[in-house]
Amino acid sequence: VTALSAAPLTPTTPASAVTGTHDGSSSDQAAASCYKVKQVNPSASSGTYWPYAPQMSDPAQFYCDQEPDGGGWVMIGGGHEG
């Protein structure tokens, strides 16, 4: 007799997100950083991507600015003038 057990499916982010070729296009394809998104896809435009770092509990969406100085920047705030 073989015993089977079931566990709930929970999304996991593979280690390849940090070191591999994930492009940040979805939580399942989370990249290590906005910089890694640009390295994996040099033509990546500015927009929302899914970075993931080992210190995070899950991937999260961030705005990646891929234009200045070769791209790879995370926008964490915007300034207001006037």
PDB file of N, CA and C in Angstrom:
ATOM      1  N   VAL A   1       0.856  -1.165   0.000  1.00  0.00           N
ATOM      2  CA  VAL A   1       0.000   0.000   0.000  1.00  0.00           C
ATOM      3  C   VAL A   1       0.899   1.223   0.000  1.00  0.00           C
ATOM      4  N   THR A   2       0.567   2.147  -0.883  1.00  0.00           N
ATOM      5  CA  THR A   2       1.322   3.386  -0.976  1.00  0.00           C
ATOM      6  C   THR A   2       0.508   4.513  -0.364  1.00  0.00           C
ATOM      7  N   ALA A   3       1.110   5.257   0.503  1.00  0.00           N
ATOM      8  CA  ALA A   3       0.426   6.389   1.118  1.00  0.00           C
ATOM      9  C   ALA A   3       0.764   7.645   0.339  1.00  0.00           C
ATOM     10  N   LEU A   4      -0.234   8.429   0.047  1.00  0.00           N
ATOM     11  CA  LEU A   4      -0.044   9.701  -0.643  1.00  0.00           C
ATOM     12  C   LEU A   4      -0.494  10.814   0.272  1.00  0.00           C
ATOM     13  N   SER A   5       0.192  11.897   0.199  1.00  0.00           N
ATOM     14  CA  SER A   5      -0.243  13.062   0.959  1.00  0.00           C
ATOM     15  C   SER A   5      -0.294  14.248   0.012  1.00  0.00           C
ATOM     16  N   ALA A   6      -1.126  15.175   0.321  1.00  0.00           N
ATOM     17  CA  ALA A   6      -1.272  16.368  -0.508  1.00  0.00           C
ATOM     18  C   ALA A   6      -0.896  17.575   0.317  1.00  0.00           C
ATOM     19  N   ALA A   7      -0.256  18.498  -0.340  1.00  0.00           N
ATOM     20  CA  ALA A   7       0.095  19.758   0.303  1.00  0.00           C
ATOM     21  C   ALA A   7      -0.441  20.883  -0.568  1.00  0.00           C
ATOM     22  N   PRO A   8      -0.829  21.979   0.038  1.00  0.00           N
ATOM     23  CA  PRO A   8      -1.326  23.081  -0.778  1.00  0.00           C
ATOM     24  C   PRO A   8      -0.221  23.597  -1.691  1.00  0.00           C
ATOM     25  N   LEU A   9      -0.614  24.011  -2.873  1.00  0.00           N
ATOM     26  CA  LEU A   9       0.352  24.577  -3.802  1.00  0.00           C
ATOM     27  C   LEU A   9       0.622  26.011  -3.409  1.00  0.00           C
ATOM     28  N   THR A  10       1.872  26.324  -3.223  1.00  0.00           N
ATOM     29  CA  THR A  10       2.256  27.694  -2.914  1.00  0.00           C
ATOM     30  C   THR A  10       3.277  28.134  -3.932  1.00  0.00           C
ATOM     31  N   PRO A  11       3.164  29.390  -4.389  1.00  0.00           N
ATOM     32  CA  PRO A  11       4.134  29.843  -5.374  1.00  0.00           C
ATOM     33  C   PRO A  11       5.524  29.911  -4.761  1.00  0.00           C
ATOM     34  N   THR A  12       6.474  29.450  -5.484  1.00  0.00           N
ATOM     35  CA  THR A  12       7.852  29.536  -5.029  1.00  0.00           C
ATOM     36  C   THR A  12       8.676  30.193  -6.119  1.00  0.00           C
ATOM     37  N   THR A  13       9.687  30.852  -5.731  1.00  0.00           N
ATOM     38  CA  THR A  13      10.571  31.479  -6.689  1.00  0.00           C
ATOM     39  C   THR A  13      11.874  30.702  -6.688  1.00  0.00           C
ATOM     40  N   PRO A  14      12.215  30.096  -7.804  1.00  0.00           N
ATOM     41  CA  PRO A  14      13.421  29.276  -7.836  1.00  0.00           C
ATOM     42  C   PRO A  14      14.682  30.107  -7.665  1.00  0.00           C
ATOM     43  N   ALA A  15      15.718  29.434  -7.237  1.00  0.00           N
ATOM     44  CA  ALA A  15      17.008  30.108  -7.083  1.00  0.00           C
ATOM     45  C   ALA A  15      17.460  30.749  -8.381  1.00  0.00           C
ATOM     46  N   SER A  16      17.006  30.217  -9.519  1.00  0.00           N
ATOM     47  CA  SER A  16      17.422  30.795 -10.800  1.00  0.00           C
ATOM     48  C   SER A  16      16.927  32.221 -10.967  1.00  0.00           C
ATOM     49  N   ALA A  17      15.936  32.645 -10.180  1.00  0.00           N
ATOM     50  CA  ALA A  17      15.486  34.028 -10.250  1.00  0.00           C
ATOM     51  C   ALA A  17      16.607  34.966  -9.839  1.00  0.00           C
ATOM     52  N   VAL A  18      17.412  34.512  -8.915  1.00  0.00           N
ATOM     53  CA  VAL A  18      18.499  35.337  -8.419  1.00  0.00           C
ATOM     54  C   VAL A  18      19.726  35.231  -9.316  1.00  0.00           C
ATOM     55  N   THR A  19      19.974  34.055  -9.862  1.00  0.00           N
ATOM     56  CA  THR A  19      21.209  33.857 -10.618  1.00  0.00           C
ATOM     57  C   THR A  19      20.996  33.533 -12.089  1.00  0.00           C
ATOM     58  N   GLY A  20      19.773  33.228 -12.487  1.00  0.00           N
ATOM     59  CA  GLY A  20      19.523  32.733 -13.839  1.00  0.00           C
ATOM     60  C   GLY A  20      19.059  33.786 -14.820  1.00  0.00           C
ATOM     61  N   THR A  21      18.198  33.355 -15.721  1.00  0.00           N
ATOM     62  CA  THR A  21      17.788  34.207 -16.828  1.00  0.00           C
ATOM     63  C   THR A  21      16.342  34.660 -16.727  1.00  0.00           C
ATOM     64  N   HIS A  22      15.778  34.722 -15.560  1.00  0.00           N
ATOM     65  CA  HIS A  22      14.408  35.205 -15.409  1.00  0.00           C
ATOM     66  C   HIS A  22      14.359  36.681 -15.794  1.00  0.00           C
ATOM     67  N   ASP A  23      13.286  37.051 -16.521  1.00  0.00           N
ATOM     68  CA  ASP A  23      13.223  38.405 -17.081  1.00  0.00           C
ATOM     69  C   ASP A  23      12.361  39.380 -16.286  1.00  0.00           C
ATOM     70  N   GLY A  24      11.774  38.954 -15.174  1.00  0.00           N
ATOM     71  CA  GLY A  24      10.987  39.854 -14.345  1.00  0.00           C
ATOM     72  C   GLY A  24       9.608  40.175 -14.893  1.00  0.00           C
ATOM     73  N   SER A  25       9.161  39.449 -15.912  1.00  0.00           N
ATOM     74  CA  SER A  25       7.883  39.751 -16.548  1.00  0.00           C
ATOM     75  C   SER A  25       6.673  39.289 -15.733  1.00  0.00           C
ATOM     76  N   SER A  26       6.877  38.408 -14.765  1.00  0.00           N
ATOM     77  CA  SER A  26       5.797  37.916 -13.911  1.00  0.00           C
ATOM     78  C   SER A  26       6.409  37.433 -12.599  1.00  0.00           C
ATOM     79  N   SER A  27       5.564  37.139 -11.629  1.00  0.00           N
ATOM     80  CA  SER A  27       6.109  36.654 -10.354  1.00  0.00           C
ATOM     81  C   SER A  27       6.821  35.317 -10.538  1.00  0.00           C
ATOM     82  N   ASP A  28       6.343  34.504 -11.475  1.00  0.00           N
ATOM     83  CA  ASP A  28       7.005  33.225 -11.757  1.00  0.00           C
ATOM     84  C   ASP A  28       8.337  33.404 -12.480  1.00  0.00           C
ATOM     85  N   GLN A  29       8.525  34.542 -13.114  1.00  0.00           N
ATOM     86  CA  GLN A  29       9.759  34.839 -13.843  1.00  0.00           C
ATOM     87  C   GLN A  29      10.544  35.956 -13.153  1.00  0.00           C
ATOM     88  N   ALA A  30      10.361  36.091 -11.833  1.00  0.00           N
ATOM     89  CA  ALA A  30      11.007  37.165 -11.077  1.00  0.00           C
ATOM     90  C   ALA A  30      12.516  37.171 -11.293  1.00  0.00           C
ATOM     91  N   ALA A  31      13.051  38.366 -11.426  1.00  0.00           N
ATOM     92  CA  ALA A  31      14.493  38.556 -11.614  1.00  0.00           C
ATOM     93  C   ALA A  31      15.111  39.050 -10.307  1.00  0.00           C
ATOM     94  N   ALA A  32      16.403  38.957 -10.201  1.00  0.00           N
ATOM     95  CA  ALA A  32      17.093  39.363  -8.974  1.00  0.00           C
ATOM     96  C   ALA A  32      17.015  40.865  -8.732  1.00  0.00           C
ATOM     97  N   SER A  33      16.850  41.663  -9.779  1.00  0.00           N
ATOM     98  CA  SER A  33      16.820  43.117  -9.640  1.00  0.00           C
ATOM     99  C   SER A  33      16.406  43.736 -10.967  1.00  0.00           C
ATOM    100  N   CYS A  34      16.171  45.032 -10.955  1.00  0.00           N
ATOM    101  CA  CYS A  34      15.906  45.746 -12.205  1.00  0.00           C
ATOM    102  C   CYS A  34      17.145  45.695 -13.103  1.00  0.00           C
ATOM    103  N   TYR A  35      18.303  45.708 -12.488  1.00  0.00           N
ATOM    104  CA  TYR A  35      19.546  45.605 -13.246  1.00  0.00           C
ATOM    105  C   TYR A  35      19.622  44.259 -13.967  1.00  0.00           C
ATOM    106  N   LYS A  36      19.222  43.192 -13.281  1.00  0.00           N
ATOM    107  CA  LYS A  36      19.232  41.860 -13.893  1.00  0.00           C
ATOM    108  C   LYS A  36      18.226  41.785 -15.038  1.00  0.00           C
ATOM    109  N   VAL A  37      17.070  42.438 -14.886  1.00  0.00           N
ATOM    110  CA  VAL A  37      16.092  42.495 -15.978  1.00  0.00           C
ATOM    111  C   VAL A  37      16.761  43.060 -17.221  1.00  0.00           C
ATOM    112  N   LYS A  38      17.500  44.145 -17.060  1.00  0.00           N
ATOM    113  CA  LYS A  38      18.165  44.805 -18.196  1.00  0.00           C
ATOM    114  C   LYS A  38      19.281  43.931 -18.757  1.00  0.00           C
ATOM    115  N   GLN A  39      19.978  43.185 -17.911  1.00  0.00           N
ATOM    116  CA  GLN A  39      21.022  42.286 -18.398  1.00  0.00           C
ATOM    117  C   GLN A  39      20.439  41.145 -19.204  1.00  0.00           C
ATOM    118  N   VAL A  40      19.331  40.580 -18.725  1.00  0.00           N
ATOM    119  CA  VAL A  40      18.690  39.455 -19.411  1.00  0.00           C
ATOM    120  C   VAL A  40      18.061  39.922 -20.721  1.00  0.00           C
ATOM    121  N   ASN A  41      17.476  41.122 -20.708  1.00  0.00           N
ATOM    122  CA  ASN A  41      16.815  41.665 -21.887  1.00  0.00           C
ATOM    123  C   ASN A  41      17.289  43.099 -22.110  1.00  0.00           C
ATOM    124  N   PRO A  42      18.376  43.296 -22.856  1.00  0.00           N
ATOM    125  CA  PRO A  42      18.924  44.637 -23.063  1.00  0.00           C
ATOM    126  C   PRO A  42      17.939  45.631 -23.682  1.00  0.00           C
ATOM    127  N   SER A  43      16.907  45.147 -24.349  1.00  0.00           N
ATOM    128  CA  SER A  43      15.924  46.066 -24.938  1.00  0.00           C
ATOM    129  C   SER A  43      14.739  46.321 -24.007  1.00  0.00           C
ATOM    130  N   ALA A  44      14.813  45.873 -22.753  1.00  0.00           N
ATOM    131  CA  ALA A  44      13.726  46.102 -21.797  1.00  0.00           C
ATOM    132  C   ALA A  44      13.479  47.593 -21.637  1.00  0.00           C
ATOM    133  N   SER A  45      12.216  47.968 -21.714  1.00  0.00           N
ATOM    134  CA  SER A  45      11.862  49.375 -21.539  1.00  0.00           C
ATOM    135  C   SER A  45      11.485  49.632 -20.085  1.00  0.00           C
ATOM    136  N   SER A  46      11.388  50.883 -19.721  1.00  0.00           N
ATOM    137  CA  SER A  46      10.972  51.242 -18.369  1.00  0.00           C
ATOM    138  C   SER A  46       9.546  50.771 -18.144  1.00  0.00           C
ATOM    139  N   GLY A  47       9.269  50.306 -16.941  1.00  0.00           N
ATOM    140  CA  GLY A  47       7.929  49.831 -16.604  1.00  0.00           C
ATOM    141  C   GLY A  47       7.951  48.985 -15.353  1.00  0.00           C
ATOM    142  N   THR A  48       6.862  48.299 -15.107  1.00  0.00           N
ATOM    143  CA  THR A  48       6.712  47.475 -13.910  1.00  0.00           C
ATOM    144  C   THR A  48       7.255  46.072 -14.156  1.00  0.00           C
ATOM    145  N   TYR A  49       8.110  45.627 -13.253  1.00  0.00           N
ATOM    146  CA  TYR A  49       8.704  44.292 -13.319  1.00  0.00           C
ATOM    147  C   TYR A  49       8.599  43.640 -11.948  1.00  0.00           C
ATOM    148  N   TRP A  50       8.926  42.360 -11.898  1.00  0.00           N
ATOM    149  CA  TRP A  50       8.864  41.568 -10.674  1.00  0.00           C
ATOM    150  C   TRP A  50      10.275  41.189 -10.203  1.00  0.00           C
ATOM    151  N   PRO A  51      10.929  42.031  -9.415  1.00  0.00           N
ATOM    152  CA  PRO A  51      12.201  41.630  -8.808  1.00  0.00           C
ATOM    153  C   PRO A  51      11.983  40.729  -7.592  1.00  0.00           C
ATOM    154  N   TYR A  52      12.982  39.920  -7.288  1.00  0.00           N
ATOM    155  CA  TYR A  52      12.962  39.067  -6.111  1.00  0.00           C
ATOM    156  C   TYR A  52      14.384  38.912  -5.601  1.00  0.00           C
ATOM    157  N   ALA A  53      14.567  39.113  -4.310  1.00  0.00           N
ATOM    158  CA  ALA A  53      15.860  38.905  -3.667  1.00  0.00           C
ATOM    159  C   ALA A  53      15.646  37.931  -2.515  1.00  0.00           C
ATOM    160  N   PRO A  54      16.665  37.183  -2.127  1.00  0.00           N
ATOM    161  CA  PRO A  54      16.513  36.204  -1.044  1.00  0.00           C
ATOM    162  C   PRO A  54      15.979  36.802   0.263  1.00  0.00           C
ATOM    163  N   GLN A  55      16.203  38.092   0.475  1.00  0.00           N
ATOM    164  CA  GLN A  55      15.737  38.738   1.694  1.00  0.00           C
ATOM    165  C   GLN A  55      14.228  38.996   1.671  1.00  0.00           C
ATOM    166  N   MET A  56      13.598  38.859   0.506  1.00  0.00           N
ATOM    167  CA  MET A  56      12.164  39.095   0.364  1.00  0.00           C
ATOM    168  C   MET A  56      11.405  37.791   0.584  1.00  0.00           C
ATOM    169  N   SER A  57      10.190  37.888   1.115  1.00  0.00           N
ATOM    170  CA  SER A  57       9.390  36.682   1.305  1.00  0.00           C
ATOM    171  C   SER A  57       8.774  36.219  -0.017  1.00  0.00           C
ATOM    172  N   ASP A  58       8.467  37.143  -0.907  1.00  0.00           N
ATOM    173  CA  ASP A  58       7.871  36.839  -2.208  1.00  0.00           C
ATOM    174  C   ASP A  58       8.314  37.896  -3.214  1.00  0.00           C
ATOM    175  N   PRO A  59       8.223  37.594  -4.501  1.00  0.00           N
ATOM    176  CA  PRO A  59       8.479  38.625  -5.510  1.00  0.00           C
ATOM    177  C   PRO A  59       7.455  39.749  -5.352  1.00  0.00           C
ATOM    178  N   ALA A  60       7.826  40.948  -5.730  1.00  0.00           N
ATOM    179  CA  ALA A  60       6.924  42.101  -5.668  1.00  0.00           C
ATOM    180  C   ALA A  60       7.129  42.952  -6.916  1.00  0.00           C
ATOM    181  N   GLN A  61       6.113  43.712  -7.261  1.00  0.00           N
ATOM    182  CA  GLN A  61       6.218  44.575  -8.429  1.00  0.00           C
ATOM    183  C   GLN A  61       6.883  45.892  -8.051  1.00  0.00           C
ATOM    184  N   PHE A  62       7.812  46.308  -8.917  1.00  0.00           N
ATOM    185  CA  PHE A  62       8.481  47.592  -8.766  1.00  0.00           C
ATOM    186  C   PHE A  62       8.568  48.242 -10.136  1.00  0.00           C
ATOM    187  N   TYR A  63       8.641  49.564 -10.146  1.00  0.00           N
ATOM    188  CA  TYR A  63       8.861  50.281 -11.396  1.00  0.00           C
ATOM    189  C   TYR A  63      10.360  50.309 -11.650  1.00  0.00           C
ATOM    190  N   CYS A  64      10.769  49.790 -12.796  1.00  0.00           N
ATOM    191  CA  CYS A  64      12.181  49.785 -13.169  1.00  0.00           C
ATOM    192  C   CYS A  64      12.407  50.839 -14.244  1.00  0.00           C
ATOM    193  N   ASP A  65      13.304  51.764 -13.962  1.00  0.00           N
ATOM    194  CA  ASP A  65      13.666  52.801 -14.931  1.00  0.00           C
ATOM    195  C   ASP A  65      14.837  52.260 -15.736  1.00  0.00           C
ATOM    196  N   GLN A  66      14.602  51.958 -16.985  1.00  0.00           N
ATOM    197  CA  GLN A  66      15.604  51.310 -17.825  1.00  0.00           C
ATOM    198  C   GLN A  66      16.276  52.285 -18.794  1.00  0.00           C
ATOM    199  N   GLU A  67      16.091  53.582 -18.573  1.00  0.00           N
ATOM    200  CA  GLU A  67      16.649  54.568 -19.506  1.00  0.00           C
ATOM    201  C   GLU A  67      17.986  55.179 -19.061  1.00  0.00           C
ATOM    202  N   PRO A  68      18.079  55.822 -17.885  1.00  0.00           N
ATOM    203  CA  PRO A  68      19.325  56.535 -17.555  1.00  0.00           C
ATOM    204  C   PRO A  68      20.497  55.601 -17.240  1.00  0.00           C
ATOM    205  N   ASP A  69      21.658  56.009 -17.675  1.00  0.00           N
ATOM    206  CA  ASP A  69      22.911  55.313 -17.327  1.00  0.00           C
ATOM    207  C   ASP A  69      22.860  53.812 -17.572  1.00  0.00           C
ATOM    208  N   GLY A  70      22.243  53.376 -18.642  1.00  0.00           N
ATOM    209  CA  GLY A  70      22.203  51.966 -18.982  1.00  0.00           C
ATOM    210  C   GLY A  70      21.064  51.186 -18.359  1.00  0.00           C
ATOM    211  N   GLY A  71      20.230  51.836 -17.549  1.00  0.00           N
ATOM    212  CA  GLY A  71      19.060  51.186 -16.968  1.00  0.00           C
ATOM    213  C   GLY A  71      19.371  50.374 -15.737  1.00  0.00           C
ATOM    214  N   GLY A  72      18.335  49.693 -15.233  1.00  0.00           N
ATOM    215  CA  GLY A  72      18.501  48.848 -14.068  1.00  0.00           C
ATOM    216  C   GLY A  72      18.192  49.525 -12.758  1.00  0.00           C
ATOM    217  N   TRP A  73      17.478  50.645 -12.788  1.00  0.00           N
ATOM    218  CA  TRP A  73      17.196  51.408 -11.578  1.00  0.00           C
ATOM    219  C   TRP A  73      15.798  51.133 -11.066  1.00  0.00           C
ATOM    220  N   VAL A  74      15.651  51.040  -9.746  1.00  0.00           N
ATOM    221  CA  VAL A  74      14.345  50.875  -9.111  1.00  0.00           C
ATOM    222  C   VAL A  74      13.864  52.248  -8.679  1.00  0.00           C
ATOM    223  N   MET A  75      12.639  52.598  -9.094  1.00  0.00           N
ATOM    224  CA  MET A  75      12.068  53.863  -8.648  1.00  0.00           C
ATOM    225  C   MET A  75      11.368  53.629  -7.318  1.00  0.00           C
ATOM    226  N   ILE A  76      11.800  54.350  -6.300  1.00  0.00           N
ATOM    227  CA  ILE A  76      11.187  54.185  -4.979  1.00  0.00           C
ATOM    228  C   ILE A  76      10.388  55.412  -4.573  1.00  0.00           C
ATOM    229  N   GLY A  77      10.418  56.457  -5.362  1.00  0.00           N
ATOM    230  CA  GLY A  77       9.648  57.648  -5.058  1.00  0.00           C
ATOM    231  C   GLY A  77       9.774  58.648  -6.182  1.00  0.00           C
ATOM    232  N   GLY A  78       8.896  59.599  -6.187  1.00  0.00           N
ATOM    233  CA  GLY A  78       8.940  60.654  -7.190  1.00  0.00           C
ATOM    234  C   GLY A  78       8.888  61.991  -6.489  1.00  0.00           C
ATOM    235  N   GLY A  79       9.595  62.942  -7.044  1.00  0.00           N
ATOM    236  CA  GLY A  79       9.624  64.278  -6.439  1.00  0.00           C
ATOM    237  C   GLY A  79       8.493  65.144  -6.958  1.00  0.00           C
ATOM    238  N   HIS A  80       8.209  66.145  -6.201  1.00  0.00           N
ATOM    239  CA  HIS A  80       7.187  67.111  -6.587  1.00  0.00           C
ATOM    240  C   HIS A  80       7.808  68.498  -6.505  1.00  0.00           C
ATOM    241  N   GLU A  81       7.617  69.256  -7.534  1.00  0.00           N
ATOM    242  CA  GLU A  81       8.097  70.621  -7.528  1.00  0.00           C
ATOM    243  C   GLU A  81       6.907  71.550  -7.672  1.00  0.00           C
ATOM    244  N   GLY A  82       6.873  72.570  -6.850  1.00  0.00           N
ATOM    245  CA  GLY A  82       5.782  73.557  -6.930  1.00  0.00           C
ATOM    246  C   GLY A  82       4.577  73.013  -6.293  1.00  0.00           C
TER     247      GLY A  82
END
